[in-house]
């Protein structure tokens, strides 16, 4: 299993990511606080489950989240990092063998360890919003609505006003991503799963 994507650009820019990590962490913190406030309104609590977002095939499109995940991976002990990379390779192989139209599967994210994320503090933004209902106001005027997970509805029933508006957080991420890409000269588009993000840095 070889790394896919704009690997030369990735390796060049990763060394210059540190100043942007601070600002990205601030965006994530603001979103986490907004999530917690919405969840507290109905008493929702996620403690990990089998029917969770880690079994959904998400694609991620920002270099910022790629490098942030990598910074978390770098901080692990070598044996732990190698184990996660091995799991990522296995997941990539399984996804490649699955039907192209399949968006969900029983192949769990390689970071999911016994129902919990092994790099929780470094997870991408889409992983941070799952659970509670959420809305996104797109620049073209369309509104995207996420209903929340099954466990949310088991715990809370109707969401009422326990809805996360992810619009300002996504806008902040998009703005910082544009700045970062311009500064780094990154022109290739990115479309990677978490498993594919992990194997970008297996040299």
N, C-alpha and C. Protein backbone atom coordinates (compact mmCIF):
# COMPACT_ATOMS: atom_id res chain seq x y z
N UNK A 1 0.85 -1.19 0.00
CA UNK A 1 0.00 0.00 0.00
C UNK A 1 0.89 1.24 0.00
N UNK A 2 0.83 2.00 -1.07
CA UNK A 2 1.65 3.21 -1.18
C UNK A 2 0.81 4.44 -0.87
N UNK A 3 1.42 5.49 -0.31
CA UNK A 3 0.69 6.73 -0.08
C UNK A 3 0.10 7.26 -1.38
N UNK A 4 -1.09 7.85 -1.29
CA UNK A 4 -1.73 8.43 -2.46
C UNK A 4 -1.84 9.93 -2.27
N UNK A 5 -2.07 10.66 -3.36
CA UNK A 5 -2.27 12.09 -3.23
C UNK A 5 -1.01 12.88 -3.54
N UNK A 6 -1.05 14.18 -3.34
CA UNK A 6 0.06 15.09 -3.69
C UNK A 6 1.19 14.99 -2.67
N UNK A 7 1.86 13.85 -2.63
CA UNK A 7 2.77 13.55 -1.54
C UNK A 7 3.96 14.50 -1.49
N UNK A 8 4.49 14.93 -2.62
CA UNK A 8 5.64 15.84 -2.60
C UNK A 8 5.28 17.17 -1.96
N UNK A 9 4.10 17.71 -2.31
CA UNK A 9 3.65 18.96 -1.71
C UNK A 9 3.41 18.78 -0.22
N UNK A 10 2.86 17.64 0.14
CA UNK A 10 2.55 17.38 1.55
C UNK A 10 3.82 17.38 2.39
N UNK A 11 4.84 16.69 1.94
CA UNK A 11 6.08 16.60 2.72
C UNK A 11 6.77 17.96 2.81
N UNK A 12 6.67 18.74 1.76
CA UNK A 12 7.30 20.07 1.78
C UNK A 12 6.59 20.99 2.77
N UNK A 13 5.26 20.98 2.76
CA UNK A 13 4.51 21.94 3.57
C UNK A 13 4.40 21.53 5.04
N UNK A 14 4.52 20.25 5.34
CA UNK A 14 4.33 19.81 6.72
C UNK A 14 5.34 20.45 7.67
N UNK A 15 6.54 20.76 7.17
CA UNK A 15 7.57 21.37 8.02
C UNK A 15 7.24 22.82 8.38
N UNK A 16 6.29 23.44 7.68
CA UNK A 16 5.97 24.85 7.90
C UNK A 16 4.57 25.02 8.48
N UNK A 17 4.02 23.95 9.04
CA UNK A 17 2.64 23.96 9.50
C UNK A 17 2.47 24.53 10.90
N UNK A 18 3.49 24.47 11.74
CA UNK A 18 3.37 24.76 13.17
C UNK A 18 2.62 26.07 13.50
N UNK A 19 2.91 27.20 12.86
CA UNK A 19 2.18 28.42 13.22
C UNK A 19 0.68 28.33 12.94
N UNK A 20 0.32 27.55 11.94
CA UNK A 20 -1.09 27.42 11.60
C UNK A 20 -1.81 26.46 12.55
N UNK A 21 -1.05 25.57 13.17
CA UNK A 21 -1.66 24.61 14.10
C UNK A 21 -2.30 25.34 15.28
N UNK A 22 -1.67 26.41 15.73
CA UNK A 22 -2.22 27.18 16.85
C UNK A 22 -3.57 27.76 16.49
N UNK A 23 -3.67 28.33 15.30
CA UNK A 23 -4.91 28.94 14.87
C UNK A 23 -5.99 27.89 14.58
N UNK A 24 -5.57 26.76 14.04
CA UNK A 24 -6.53 25.68 13.80
C UNK A 24 -7.07 25.15 15.11
N UNK A 25 -6.21 25.04 16.11
CA UNK A 25 -6.65 24.57 17.43
C UNK A 25 -7.69 25.52 18.02
N UNK A 26 -7.55 26.80 17.79
CA UNK A 26 -8.53 27.77 18.28
C UNK A 26 -9.88 27.57 17.60
N UNK A 27 -9.87 27.28 16.31
CA UNK A 27 -11.12 27.01 15.58
C UNK A 27 -11.78 25.76 16.13
N UNK A 28 -10.99 24.71 16.33
CA UNK A 28 -11.54 23.47 16.86
C UNK A 28 -12.09 23.66 18.27
N UNK A 29 -11.39 24.44 19.09
CA UNK A 29 -11.84 24.68 20.46
C UNK A 29 -13.19 25.40 20.46
N UNK A 30 -13.33 26.39 19.60
CA UNK A 30 -14.60 27.13 19.51
C UNK A 30 -15.73 26.19 19.08
N UNK A 31 -15.45 25.31 18.14
CA UNK A 31 -16.49 24.38 17.70
C UNK A 31 -16.82 23.37 18.80
N UNK A 32 -15.82 22.89 19.51
CA UNK A 32 -16.06 21.94 20.60
C UNK A 32 -16.92 22.56 21.69
N UNK A 33 -16.68 23.83 21.98
CA UNK A 33 -17.48 24.53 22.99
C UNK A 33 -18.93 24.70 22.52
N UNK A 34 -19.11 25.02 21.26
CA UNK A 34 -20.45 25.16 20.70
C UNK A 34 -21.18 23.82 20.71
N UNK A 35 -20.45 22.76 20.40
CA UNK A 35 -21.02 21.41 20.43
C UNK A 35 -21.47 21.07 21.85
N UNK A 36 -20.60 21.33 22.82
CA UNK A 36 -20.91 21.01 24.21
C UNK A 36 -22.13 21.78 24.69
N UNK A 37 -22.24 23.04 24.30
CA UNK A 37 -23.38 23.86 24.72
C UNK A 37 -24.68 23.30 24.14
N UNK A 38 -24.65 22.90 22.86
CA UNK A 38 -25.85 22.34 22.23
C UNK A 38 -26.21 21.00 22.86
N UNK A 39 -25.21 20.16 23.12
CA UNK A 39 -25.46 18.85 23.72
C UNK A 39 -26.00 18.97 25.14
N UNK A 40 -25.51 19.96 25.89
CA UNK A 40 -25.95 20.15 27.27
C UNK A 40 -27.42 20.54 27.36
N UNK A 41 -27.94 21.16 26.31
CA UNK A 41 -29.33 21.60 26.33
C UNK A 41 -30.30 20.44 26.46
N UNK A 42 -29.91 19.27 25.98
CA UNK A 42 -30.81 18.12 26.10
C UNK A 42 -30.16 16.97 26.88
N UNK A 43 -28.97 17.21 27.41
CA UNK A 43 -28.32 16.18 28.22
C UNK A 43 -27.70 15.06 27.42
N UNK A 44 -27.35 15.33 26.16
CA UNK A 44 -26.75 14.28 25.34
C UNK A 44 -25.30 14.05 25.74
N UNK A 45 -24.91 12.77 25.80
CA UNK A 45 -23.54 12.40 26.14
C UNK A 45 -23.10 11.25 25.25
N UNK A 46 -21.99 11.44 24.55
CA UNK A 46 -21.43 10.38 23.70
C UNK A 46 -20.26 9.73 24.42
N UNK A 47 -20.37 8.45 24.63
CA UNK A 47 -19.28 7.72 25.28
C UNK A 47 -18.75 6.61 24.39
N UNK A 48 -19.05 6.72 23.07
CA UNK A 48 -18.62 5.69 22.13
C UNK A 48 -19.68 4.62 21.99
N UNK A 49 -19.84 4.11 20.80
CA UNK A 49 -20.82 3.05 20.57
C UNK A 49 -20.42 2.27 19.33
N UNK A 50 -21.08 1.14 19.10
CA UNK A 50 -20.76 0.32 17.94
C UNK A 50 -21.33 0.93 16.66
N UNK A 51 -22.51 1.55 16.75
CA UNK A 51 -23.15 2.16 15.59
C UNK A 51 -22.75 3.63 15.54
N UNK A 52 -21.48 3.87 15.24
CA UNK A 52 -21.00 5.26 15.37
C UNK A 52 -20.45 5.82 14.07
N UNK A 53 -20.10 7.10 14.12
CA UNK A 53 -19.63 7.81 12.92
C UNK A 53 -18.31 7.25 12.41
N UNK A 54 -17.59 6.50 13.23
CA UNK A 54 -16.32 5.93 12.80
C UNK A 54 -16.51 4.83 11.77
N UNK A 55 -17.75 4.42 11.55
CA UNK A 55 -18.04 3.41 10.53
C UNK A 55 -18.56 4.03 9.23
N UNK A 56 -18.52 5.34 9.15
CA UNK A 56 -18.94 6.03 7.93
C UNK A 56 -17.70 6.46 7.14
N UNK A 57 -17.77 6.28 5.83
CA UNK A 57 -16.63 6.59 4.98
C UNK A 57 -16.61 8.08 4.66
N UNK A 58 -15.92 8.86 5.48
CA UNK A 58 -15.81 10.29 5.29
C UNK A 58 -14.54 10.62 4.49
N UNK A 59 -14.66 11.63 3.63
CA UNK A 59 -13.48 12.17 2.95
C UNK A 59 -13.18 13.56 3.49
N UNK A 60 -11.91 13.86 3.63
CA UNK A 60 -11.46 15.14 4.19
C UNK A 60 -10.69 15.88 3.11
N UNK A 61 -10.86 17.22 3.09
CA UNK A 61 -10.38 18.00 1.94
C UNK A 61 -9.42 19.12 2.31
N UNK A 62 -8.97 19.19 3.55
CA UNK A 62 -8.08 20.29 3.93
C UNK A 62 -6.70 19.77 4.34
N UNK A 63 -5.70 20.49 3.88
CA UNK A 63 -4.33 20.19 4.29
C UNK A 63 -4.15 20.45 5.78
N UNK A 64 -4.82 21.46 6.30
CA UNK A 64 -4.68 21.78 7.72
C UNK A 64 -5.02 20.58 8.58
N UNK A 65 -6.13 19.93 8.29
CA UNK A 65 -6.54 18.78 9.10
C UNK A 65 -5.60 17.60 8.90
N UNK A 66 -5.07 17.46 7.69
CA UNK A 66 -4.10 16.41 7.42
C UNK A 66 -2.87 16.58 8.29
N UNK A 67 -2.31 17.78 8.31
CA UNK A 67 -1.09 18.01 9.08
C UNK A 67 -1.35 17.99 10.58
N UNK A 68 -2.54 18.42 10.98
CA UNK A 68 -2.88 18.40 12.40
C UNK A 68 -2.97 16.96 12.90
N UNK A 69 -3.60 16.11 12.10
CA UNK A 69 -3.66 14.70 12.45
C UNK A 69 -2.26 14.10 12.53
N UNK A 70 -1.42 14.49 11.59
CA UNK A 70 -0.05 13.99 11.58
C UNK A 70 0.72 14.44 12.81
N UNK A 71 0.49 15.69 13.27
CA UNK A 71 1.20 16.17 14.46
C UNK A 71 0.82 15.33 15.67
N UNK A 72 -0.43 14.89 15.73
CA UNK A 72 -0.84 14.00 16.81
C UNK A 72 -0.20 12.63 16.68
N UNK A 73 -0.12 12.15 15.45
CA UNK A 73 0.50 10.84 15.19
C UNK A 73 1.97 10.87 15.57
N UNK A 74 2.65 11.98 15.27
CA UNK A 74 4.07 12.11 15.60
C UNK A 74 4.33 12.06 17.10
N UNK A 75 3.35 12.49 17.89
CA UNK A 75 3.54 12.53 19.33
C UNK A 75 3.37 11.19 20.02
N UNK A 76 2.98 10.17 19.29
CA UNK A 76 2.78 8.85 19.87
C UNK A 76 4.11 8.10 20.00
N UNK A 77 4.13 7.12 20.87
CA UNK A 77 5.29 6.25 20.95
C UNK A 77 5.41 5.47 19.64
N UNK A 78 6.63 5.17 19.19
CA UNK A 78 6.82 4.53 17.88
C UNK A 78 5.99 3.27 17.67
N UNK A 79 5.89 2.44 18.70
CA UNK A 79 5.14 1.20 18.54
C UNK A 79 3.65 1.45 18.37
N UNK A 80 3.16 2.47 19.08
CA UNK A 80 1.74 2.83 18.96
C UNK A 80 1.46 3.42 17.58
N UNK A 81 2.37 4.26 17.11
CA UNK A 81 2.22 4.87 15.79
C UNK A 81 2.26 3.79 14.70
N UNK A 82 3.17 2.85 14.82
CA UNK A 82 3.28 1.78 13.84
C UNK A 82 2.01 0.92 13.81
N UNK A 83 1.42 0.69 14.97
CA UNK A 83 0.19 -0.11 15.04
C UNK A 83 -0.95 0.59 14.32
N UNK A 84 -1.08 1.91 14.52
CA UNK A 84 -2.13 2.67 13.86
C UNK A 84 -1.90 2.72 12.36
N UNK A 85 -0.66 2.85 11.95
CA UNK A 85 -0.36 2.87 10.52
C UNK A 85 -0.68 1.53 9.88
N UNK A 86 -0.40 0.45 10.59
CA UNK A 86 -0.74 -0.87 10.08
C UNK A 86 -2.25 -1.03 9.94
N UNK A 87 -2.99 -0.55 10.92
CA UNK A 87 -4.45 -0.60 10.85
C UNK A 87 -4.95 0.24 9.67
N UNK A 88 -4.32 1.40 9.45
CA UNK A 88 -4.72 2.27 8.34
C UNK A 88 -4.51 1.58 7.00
N UNK A 89 -3.41 0.89 6.84
CA UNK A 89 -3.14 0.16 5.61
C UNK A 89 -4.21 -0.90 5.37
N UNK A 90 -4.58 -1.62 6.42
CA UNK A 90 -5.61 -2.66 6.30
C UNK A 90 -6.95 -2.05 5.88
N UNK A 91 -7.31 -0.92 6.49
CA UNK A 91 -8.59 -0.28 6.16
C UNK A 91 -8.58 0.20 4.71
N UNK A 92 -7.48 0.79 4.26
CA UNK A 92 -7.39 1.24 2.87
C UNK A 92 -7.58 0.08 1.91
N UNK A 93 -6.98 -1.04 2.20
CA UNK A 93 -7.13 -2.21 1.34
C UNK A 93 -8.58 -2.69 1.32
N UNK A 94 -9.23 -2.68 2.47
CA UNK A 94 -10.62 -3.12 2.54
C UNK A 94 -11.53 -2.18 1.76
N UNK A 95 -11.30 -0.87 1.88
CA UNK A 95 -12.13 0.10 1.17
C UNK A 95 -11.93 -0.03 -0.34
N UNK A 96 -10.70 -0.25 -0.77
CA UNK A 96 -10.43 -0.41 -2.19
C UNK A 96 -11.16 -1.62 -2.76
N UNK A 97 -11.34 -2.64 -1.93
CA UNK A 97 -12.00 -3.86 -2.39
C UNK A 97 -13.52 -3.77 -2.34
N UNK A 98 -14.06 -2.70 -1.70
CA UNK A 98 -15.51 -2.55 -1.54
C UNK A 98 -16.10 -1.94 -2.81
N UNK A 99 -17.42 -2.11 -3.02
CA UNK A 99 -18.08 -1.47 -4.16
C UNK A 99 -17.89 0.04 -4.13
N UNK A 100 -17.67 0.64 -5.31
CA UNK A 100 -17.38 2.06 -5.40
C UNK A 100 -18.50 2.92 -4.85
N UNK A 101 -19.75 2.44 -4.94
CA UNK A 101 -20.88 3.25 -4.51
C UNK A 101 -21.14 3.16 -3.01
N UNK A 102 -20.40 2.33 -2.32
CA UNK A 102 -20.63 2.13 -0.89
C UNK A 102 -20.04 3.26 -0.08
N UNK A 103 -20.91 4.03 0.61
CA UNK A 103 -20.44 5.15 1.44
C UNK A 103 -20.31 4.76 2.91
N UNK A 104 -20.95 3.69 3.30
CA UNK A 104 -20.83 3.21 4.67
C UNK A 104 -20.46 1.74 4.63
N UNK A 105 -19.84 1.29 5.65
CA UNK A 105 -19.42 -0.10 5.70
C UNK A 105 -19.16 -0.48 7.14
N UNK A 106 -18.78 -1.72 7.34
CA UNK A 106 -18.42 -2.17 8.67
C UNK A 106 -16.92 -2.02 8.91
N UNK A 107 -16.22 -1.39 8.00
CA UNK A 107 -14.79 -1.14 8.18
C UNK A 107 -14.65 0.12 9.02
N UNK A 108 -14.15 -0.07 10.21
CA UNK A 108 -14.11 1.04 11.16
C UNK A 108 -12.85 1.86 10.97
N UNK A 109 -12.91 3.14 11.33
CA UNK A 109 -11.75 4.02 11.24
C UNK A 109 -10.57 3.41 12.01
N UNK A 110 -9.37 3.46 11.45
CA UNK A 110 -8.22 2.85 12.13
C UNK A 110 -7.88 3.50 13.47
N UNK A 111 -8.40 4.70 13.73
CA UNK A 111 -8.13 5.37 14.99
C UNK A 111 -9.10 4.93 16.10
N UNK A 112 -10.15 4.21 15.72
CA UNK A 112 -11.14 3.78 16.71
C UNK A 112 -10.60 2.58 17.48
N UNK A 113 -10.37 2.81 18.76
CA UNK A 113 -9.88 1.76 19.64
C UNK A 113 -10.93 1.50 20.72
N UNK A 114 -11.58 0.36 20.63
CA UNK A 114 -12.63 -0.01 21.60
C UNK A 114 -13.72 1.06 21.71
N UNK A 115 -14.08 1.64 20.55
CA UNK A 115 -15.17 2.60 20.54
C UNK A 115 -14.76 4.05 20.76
N UNK A 116 -13.49 4.30 21.03
CA UNK A 116 -13.01 5.66 21.28
C UNK A 116 -11.87 6.00 20.34
N UNK A 117 -11.72 7.30 20.03
CA UNK A 117 -10.71 7.74 19.08
C UNK A 117 -9.32 7.77 19.71
N UNK A 118 -8.37 7.16 19.03
CA UNK A 118 -7.00 7.11 19.53
C UNK A 118 -6.24 8.42 19.37
N UNK A 119 -6.78 9.35 18.56
CA UNK A 119 -6.17 10.68 18.41
C UNK A 119 -7.27 11.72 18.53
N UNK A 120 -8.03 11.62 19.60
CA UNK A 120 -9.25 12.40 19.77
C UNK A 120 -9.00 13.90 19.66
N UNK A 121 -7.96 14.40 20.25
CA UNK A 121 -7.68 15.84 20.24
C UNK A 121 -7.30 16.34 18.86
N UNK A 122 -6.92 15.43 17.97
CA UNK A 122 -6.44 15.81 16.64
C UNK A 122 -7.40 15.42 15.53
N UNK A 123 -8.59 14.96 15.87
CA UNK A 123 -9.54 14.49 14.86
C UNK A 123 -10.01 15.65 13.98
N UNK A 124 -10.37 15.35 12.72
CA UNK A 124 -10.85 16.40 11.80
C UNK A 124 -12.18 16.99 12.25
N UNK A 125 -12.55 18.09 11.61
CA UNK A 125 -13.75 18.82 12.01
C UNK A 125 -15.02 17.99 11.85
N UNK A 126 -15.14 17.24 10.76
CA UNK A 126 -16.37 16.49 10.55
C UNK A 126 -16.59 15.46 11.65
N UNK A 127 -15.50 14.96 12.23
CA UNK A 127 -15.62 14.01 13.34
C UNK A 127 -16.12 14.70 14.61
N UNK A 128 -15.93 16.00 14.70
CA UNK A 128 -16.29 16.75 15.89
C UNK A 128 -17.77 17.11 15.95
N UNK A 129 -18.46 17.07 14.83
CA UNK A 129 -19.86 17.51 14.84
C UNK A 129 -20.84 16.36 14.94
N UNK A 130 -20.38 15.13 14.78
CA UNK A 130 -21.32 14.02 14.76
C UNK A 130 -21.87 13.70 16.14
N UNK A 131 -23.10 13.32 16.12
CA UNK A 131 -23.83 13.03 17.35
C UNK A 131 -25.07 13.90 17.42
N UNK A 132 -24.87 15.19 17.59
CA UNK A 132 -26.01 16.09 17.72
C UNK A 132 -26.46 16.61 16.35
N UNK A 133 -27.72 17.01 16.21
CA UNK A 133 -28.18 17.62 14.96
C UNK A 133 -27.39 18.89 14.65
N UNK A 134 -27.19 19.17 13.37
CA UNK A 134 -26.39 20.33 13.00
C UNK A 134 -26.87 20.90 11.68
N UNK A 135 -26.57 22.17 11.47
CA UNK A 135 -26.94 22.85 10.23
C UNK A 135 -25.72 23.58 9.68
N UNK A 136 -25.72 23.76 8.35
CA UNK A 136 -24.66 24.51 7.68
C UNK A 136 -25.31 25.37 6.60
N UNK A 137 -25.11 26.68 6.70
CA UNK A 137 -25.60 27.61 5.69
C UNK A 137 -24.51 27.78 4.64
N UNK A 138 -24.74 27.25 3.45
CA UNK A 138 -23.74 27.32 2.40
C UNK A 138 -23.67 28.71 1.78
N UNK A 139 -22.52 29.04 1.16
CA UNK A 139 -22.40 30.35 0.51
C UNK A 139 -23.43 30.58 -0.60
N UNK A 140 -23.92 29.47 -1.23
CA UNK A 140 -24.89 29.62 -2.29
C UNK A 140 -26.32 29.76 -1.77
N UNK A 141 -26.48 29.84 -0.46
CA UNK A 141 -27.79 30.03 0.14
C UNK A 141 -28.49 28.76 0.57
N UNK A 142 -28.00 27.63 0.14
CA UNK A 142 -28.61 26.36 0.53
C UNK A 142 -28.26 26.02 1.97
N UNK A 143 -29.18 25.37 2.66
CA UNK A 143 -28.93 24.94 4.03
C UNK A 143 -28.82 23.42 4.07
N UNK A 144 -27.73 22.95 4.65
CA UNK A 144 -27.54 21.51 4.84
C UNK A 144 -27.89 21.17 6.29
N UNK A 145 -28.67 20.11 6.48
CA UNK A 145 -29.13 19.72 7.80
C UNK A 145 -28.69 18.29 8.10
N UNK A 146 -28.09 18.10 9.26
CA UNK A 146 -27.72 16.77 9.73
C UNK A 146 -28.62 16.40 10.90
N UNK A 147 -29.25 15.23 10.87
CA UNK A 147 -30.27 14.89 11.88
C UNK A 147 -29.72 14.47 13.24
N UNK A 148 -28.43 14.18 13.33
CA UNK A 148 -27.91 13.63 14.58
C UNK A 148 -27.91 12.11 14.52
N UNK A 149 -27.19 11.48 15.41
CA UNK A 149 -27.06 10.03 15.38
C UNK A 149 -28.24 9.35 16.08
N UNK A 150 -28.33 8.04 15.89
CA UNK A 150 -29.41 7.27 16.52
C UNK A 150 -29.36 7.37 18.03
N UNK A 151 -28.14 7.38 18.59
CA UNK A 151 -28.01 7.44 20.04
C UNK A 151 -28.52 8.78 20.58
N UNK A 152 -28.32 9.85 19.81
CA UNK A 152 -28.86 11.15 20.22
C UNK A 152 -30.38 11.06 20.36
N UNK A 153 -31.03 10.49 19.38
CA UNK A 153 -32.49 10.42 19.41
C UNK A 153 -33.00 9.45 20.47
N UNK A 154 -32.20 8.43 20.77
CA UNK A 154 -32.57 7.54 21.88
C UNK A 154 -32.50 8.27 23.21
N UNK A 155 -31.48 9.11 23.36
CA UNK A 155 -31.30 9.84 24.62
C UNK A 155 -32.22 11.04 24.75
N UNK A 156 -32.42 11.75 23.63
CA UNK A 156 -33.04 13.08 23.70
C UNK A 156 -34.37 13.21 22.98
N UNK A 157 -34.69 12.27 22.08
CA UNK A 157 -35.90 12.42 21.29
C UNK A 157 -35.76 13.58 20.33
N UNK A 158 -36.72 14.48 20.34
CA UNK A 158 -36.68 15.66 19.47
C UNK A 158 -35.56 16.59 19.94
N UNK A 159 -34.79 17.15 19.01
CA UNK A 159 -33.65 17.99 19.42
C UNK A 159 -34.05 19.34 20.00
N UNK A 160 -35.25 19.82 19.67
CA UNK A 160 -35.61 21.16 20.12
C UNK A 160 -34.62 22.17 19.59
N UNK A 161 -34.01 22.96 20.47
CA UNK A 161 -33.01 23.92 20.02
C UNK A 161 -31.59 23.42 20.27
N UNK A 162 -31.45 22.12 20.53
CA UNK A 162 -30.12 21.53 20.72
C UNK A 162 -29.52 21.20 19.36
N UNK A 163 -29.28 22.23 18.58
CA UNK A 163 -28.77 22.08 17.22
C UNK A 163 -27.48 22.90 17.09
N UNK A 164 -26.47 22.29 16.54
CA UNK A 164 -25.19 22.96 16.36
C UNK A 164 -25.18 23.68 15.01
N UNK A 165 -24.95 24.99 15.02
CA UNK A 165 -24.74 25.73 13.79
C UNK A 165 -23.26 25.68 13.48
N UNK A 166 -22.90 24.86 12.52
CA UNK A 166 -21.47 24.70 12.21
C UNK A 166 -20.97 25.72 11.19
N UNK A 167 -21.84 26.60 10.73
CA UNK A 167 -21.48 27.54 9.68
C UNK A 167 -20.26 28.40 10.03
N UNK A 168 -20.24 29.08 11.19
CA UNK A 168 -19.08 29.95 11.47
C UNK A 168 -17.77 29.17 11.61
N UNK A 169 -17.86 27.95 12.09
CA UNK A 169 -16.65 27.14 12.30
C UNK A 169 -16.11 26.64 10.96
N UNK A 170 -17.00 26.22 10.08
CA UNK A 170 -16.56 25.80 8.75
C UNK A 170 -16.02 26.98 7.95
N UNK A 171 -16.64 28.16 8.11
CA UNK A 171 -16.17 29.35 7.42
C UNK A 171 -14.76 29.71 7.89
N UNK A 172 -14.52 29.62 9.19
CA UNK A 172 -13.20 29.93 9.74
C UNK A 172 -12.16 28.94 9.23
N UNK A 173 -12.53 27.66 9.18
CA UNK A 173 -11.61 26.64 8.67
C UNK A 173 -11.30 26.88 7.19
N UNK A 174 -12.33 27.19 6.40
CA UNK A 174 -12.12 27.42 4.98
C UNK A 174 -11.22 28.62 4.73
N UNK A 175 -11.40 29.68 5.53
CA UNK A 175 -10.57 30.88 5.38
C UNK A 175 -9.11 30.58 5.71
N UNK A 176 -8.88 29.87 6.80
CA UNK A 176 -7.50 29.54 7.18
C UNK A 176 -6.88 28.59 6.17
N UNK A 177 -7.66 27.66 5.65
CA UNK A 177 -7.15 26.73 4.65
C UNK A 177 -6.72 27.46 3.38
N UNK A 178 -7.51 28.44 2.94
CA UNK A 178 -7.12 29.23 1.77
C UNK A 178 -5.81 29.96 2.00
N UNK A 179 -5.67 30.54 3.18
CA UNK A 179 -4.44 31.26 3.52
C UNK A 179 -3.25 30.31 3.53
N UNK A 180 -3.44 29.15 4.12
CA UNK A 180 -2.36 28.17 4.23
C UNK A 180 -1.94 27.66 2.84
N UNK A 181 -2.92 27.31 2.02
CA UNK A 181 -2.61 26.82 0.68
C UNK A 181 -1.84 27.86 -0.13
N UNK A 182 -2.26 29.11 -0.02
CA UNK A 182 -1.58 30.18 -0.77
C UNK A 182 -0.15 30.37 -0.28
N UNK A 183 0.03 30.35 1.03
CA UNK A 183 1.37 30.55 1.59
C UNK A 183 2.31 29.40 1.25
N UNK A 184 1.75 28.18 1.19
CA UNK A 184 2.57 26.99 0.94
C UNK A 184 2.67 26.65 -0.55
N UNK A 185 1.89 27.33 -1.39
CA UNK A 185 1.88 27.00 -2.80
C UNK A 185 1.23 25.67 -3.10
N UNK A 186 0.25 25.30 -2.30
CA UNK A 186 -0.45 24.03 -2.46
C UNK A 186 -1.60 24.22 -3.44
N UNK A 187 -1.56 23.50 -4.54
CA UNK A 187 -2.57 23.67 -5.58
C UNK A 187 -3.41 22.42 -5.81
N UNK A 188 -2.88 21.26 -5.47
CA UNK A 188 -3.64 20.03 -5.68
C UNK A 188 -4.81 19.92 -4.73
N UNK A 189 -5.93 19.39 -5.22
CA UNK A 189 -7.07 19.13 -4.36
C UNK A 189 -6.79 17.91 -3.50
N UNK A 190 -7.47 17.88 -2.35
CA UNK A 190 -7.27 16.79 -1.40
C UNK A 190 -8.60 16.07 -1.20
N UNK A 191 -8.56 14.76 -1.20
CA UNK A 191 -9.76 13.95 -0.92
C UNK A 191 -9.28 12.64 -0.31
N UNK A 192 -9.16 12.63 1.01
CA UNK A 192 -8.58 11.49 1.71
C UNK A 192 -9.44 11.07 2.89
N UNK A 193 -9.53 9.78 3.12
CA UNK A 193 -10.11 9.29 4.36
C UNK A 193 -9.07 9.43 5.46
N UNK A 194 -9.47 9.22 6.71
CA UNK A 194 -8.50 9.26 7.81
C UNK A 194 -7.41 8.21 7.60
N UNK A 195 -7.80 7.02 7.15
CA UNK A 195 -6.82 5.97 6.90
C UNK A 195 -5.81 6.42 5.84
N UNK A 196 -6.29 7.04 4.77
CA UNK A 196 -5.40 7.53 3.73
C UNK A 196 -4.53 8.68 4.22
N UNK A 197 -5.08 9.51 5.11
CA UNK A 197 -4.28 10.59 5.69
C UNK A 197 -3.10 10.02 6.47
N UNK A 198 -3.35 8.97 7.22
CA UNK A 198 -2.30 8.38 8.05
C UNK A 198 -1.17 7.82 7.20
N UNK A 199 -1.49 7.14 6.11
CA UNK A 199 -0.44 6.49 5.34
C UNK A 199 0.34 7.47 4.47
N UNK A 200 -0.10 8.74 4.38
CA UNK A 200 0.70 9.72 3.65
C UNK A 200 2.09 9.87 4.25
N UNK A 201 2.22 9.55 5.53
CA UNK A 201 3.46 9.83 6.23
C UNK A 201 4.22 8.55 6.59
N UNK A 202 3.93 7.48 5.87
CA UNK A 202 4.74 6.27 5.98
C UNK A 202 5.79 6.36 4.89
N UNK A 203 6.99 6.66 5.26
CA UNK A 203 8.07 6.87 4.27
C UNK A 203 8.73 5.54 3.96
